[in-house]
Amino acid sequence: MDEEVVPILRVADAAAAVRWYARLGFAEQWAHRFEPGLPAFVEVARGRVRLFLSEHTGDARPGTLVYLRVADVDAVAAEFAVRVEEAPWAREIELRDPDGNRLRVGTPIE
């Protein structure tokens, strides 16, 4: 097994969050609830990149910032109708998911 870090993002509605993250190219891998009606804990993945989305109070705070490196930031920018910014290290955009979590998405400058 490769070691990895998987950020946990707090979401109010996991199903709505999964739909939003699908626009970024993520797909739901699995979802867990201890019982029907209890909070959901979901994994989404985009290639080898994984995020946990949690409805559990206390797992994380809205407003968290995650940096996502992608091969084509222009495609992501087009999906969300935002302008790409030029930084010395990458071409980037910043998005907020429906729960206020921030995602900085960039393609490194080589």
Protein backbone atom coordinates (compact mmCIF):
# COMPACT_ATOMS: atom_id res chain seq x y z
CA MET A 1 0.00 0.00 0.00
CA ASP A 2 1.21 3.49 -0.84
CA GLU A 3 1.06 5.94 2.04
CA GLU A 4 -1.11 8.97 1.47
CA VAL A 5 -2.90 11.86 3.12
CA VAL A 6 -6.67 12.09 2.67
CA PRO A 7 -8.17 15.45 3.68
CA ILE A 8 -11.56 15.36 5.41
CA LEU A 9 -13.99 18.10 4.45
CA ARG A 10 -17.12 18.90 6.44
CA VAL A 11 -20.29 18.91 4.35
CA ALA A 12 -23.92 19.42 5.30
CA ASP A 13 -25.36 17.22 2.54
CA ALA A 14 -23.04 14.47 1.29
CA ALA A 15 -25.15 13.68 -1.78
CA ALA A 16 -25.10 17.34 -2.89
CA ALA A 17 -21.36 17.53 -2.20
CA VAL A 18 -20.71 14.40 -4.28
CA ARG A 19 -22.58 16.00 -7.20
CA TRP A 20 -20.52 19.21 -6.86
CA TYR A 21 -17.21 17.32 -6.65
CA ALA A 22 -18.21 15.32 -9.75
CA ARG A 23 -17.84 18.61 -11.67
CA LEU A 24 -14.18 18.54 -10.59
CA GLY A 25 -13.80 15.02 -11.93
CA PHE A 26 -14.27 13.18 -8.62
CA ALA A 27 -16.40 10.03 -8.40
CA GLU A 28 -17.96 8.51 -5.30
CA GLN A 29 -16.07 5.41 -4.17
CA TRP A 30 -18.16 4.43 -1.15
CA ALA A 31 -20.44 5.88 1.51
CA HIS A 32 -21.00 4.83 5.13
CA ARG A 33 -23.73 5.52 7.69
CA PHE A 34 -23.86 3.77 11.06
CA GLU A 35 -27.64 3.56 10.63
CA PRO A 36 -30.18 4.99 8.18
CA GLY A 37 -30.75 8.66 8.92
CA LEU A 38 -27.39 9.17 10.64
CA PRO A 39 -24.63 11.35 9.13
CA ALA A 40 -22.84 10.09 6.02
CA PHE A 41 -19.09 9.66 5.51
CA VAL A 42 -18.16 9.42 1.82
CA GLU A 43 -14.98 8.94 -0.18
CA VAL A 44 -14.60 10.62 -3.58
CA ALA A 45 -11.64 10.10 -5.89
CA ARG A 46 -10.13 11.65 -8.97
CA GLY A 47 -7.45 9.24 -10.14
CA ARG A 48 -5.17 8.73 -7.13
CA VAL A 49 -6.45 11.86 -5.37
CA ARG A 50 -8.95 11.12 -2.61
CA LEU A 51 -11.13 13.25 -0.35
CA PHE A 52 -13.37 12.24 2.53
CA LEU A 53 -16.63 14.19 2.80
CA SER A 54 -18.18 14.02 6.26
CA GLU A 55 -21.56 15.08 7.58
CA HIS A 56 -20.32 14.32 11.13
CA THR A 57 -20.16 17.40 13.34
CA GLY A 58 -16.62 17.97 14.55
CA ASP A 59 -14.80 16.05 11.81
CA ALA A 60 -13.65 19.22 10.09
CA ARG A 61 -14.57 22.88 9.73
CA PRO A 62 -16.08 24.55 6.69
CA GLY A 63 -13.63 26.95 5.12
CA THR A 64 -10.77 24.45 4.97
CA LEU A 65 -8.30 25.03 2.12
CA VAL A 66 -7.15 22.10 -0.03
CA TYR A 67 -4.68 22.47 -2.91
CA LEU A 68 -5.35 20.25 -5.92
CA ARG A 69 -2.71 19.91 -8.64
CA VAL A 70 -4.20 18.99 -12.00
CA ALA A 71 -2.84 18.51 -15.51
CA ASP A 72 -5.31 20.98 -17.09
CA VAL A 73 -6.54 23.84 -14.89
CA ASP A 74 -8.14 25.45 -17.96
CA ALA A 75 -10.65 22.58 -18.25
CA VAL A 76 -11.62 22.96 -14.59
CA ALA A 77 -11.87 26.75 -14.97
CA ALA A 78 -14.15 26.31 -17.98
CA GLU A 79 -16.43 23.92 -16.03
CA PHE A 80 -16.87 26.51 -13.27
CA ALA A 81 -16.73 29.60 -15.54
CA VAL A 82 -13.86 31.22 -13.62
CA ARG A 83 -10.71 32.97 -14.80
CA VAL A 84 -7.29 31.37 -14.39
CA GLU A 85 -4.76 33.46 -12.46
CA GLU A 86 -1.04 33.40 -13.20
CA ALA A 87 1.24 32.83 -10.19
CA PRO A 88 5.02 32.34 -10.31
CA TRP A 89 4.60 28.63 -9.44
CA ALA A 90 1.36 27.68 -11.23
CA ARG A 91 -1.72 28.72 -13.17
CA GLU A 92 -4.51 28.61 -10.58
CA ILE A 93 -8.14 29.09 -9.74
CA GLU A 94 -9.89 29.11 -6.38
CA LEU A 95 -13.29 27.52 -5.85
CA ARG A 96 -15.65 27.17 -2.89
CA ASP A 97 -17.81 24.11 -2.54
CA PRO A 98 -21.44 24.45 -1.38
CA ASP A 99 -20.26 24.18 2.27
CA GLY A 100 -17.63 26.92 2.03
CA ASN A 101 -14.58 24.65 1.74
CA ARG A 102 -11.94 26.29 -0.42
CA LEU A 103 -10.16 24.44 -3.22
CA ARG A 104 -7.18 26.03 -4.91
CA VAL A 105 -6.69 24.19 -8.19
CA GLY A 106 -3.51 24.65 -10.17
CA THR A 107 -1.33 23.41 -12.99
CA PRO A 108 2.35 23.86 -12.09
CA ILE A 109 4.52 25.99 -14.34
CA GLU A 110 7.43 23.94 -15.58
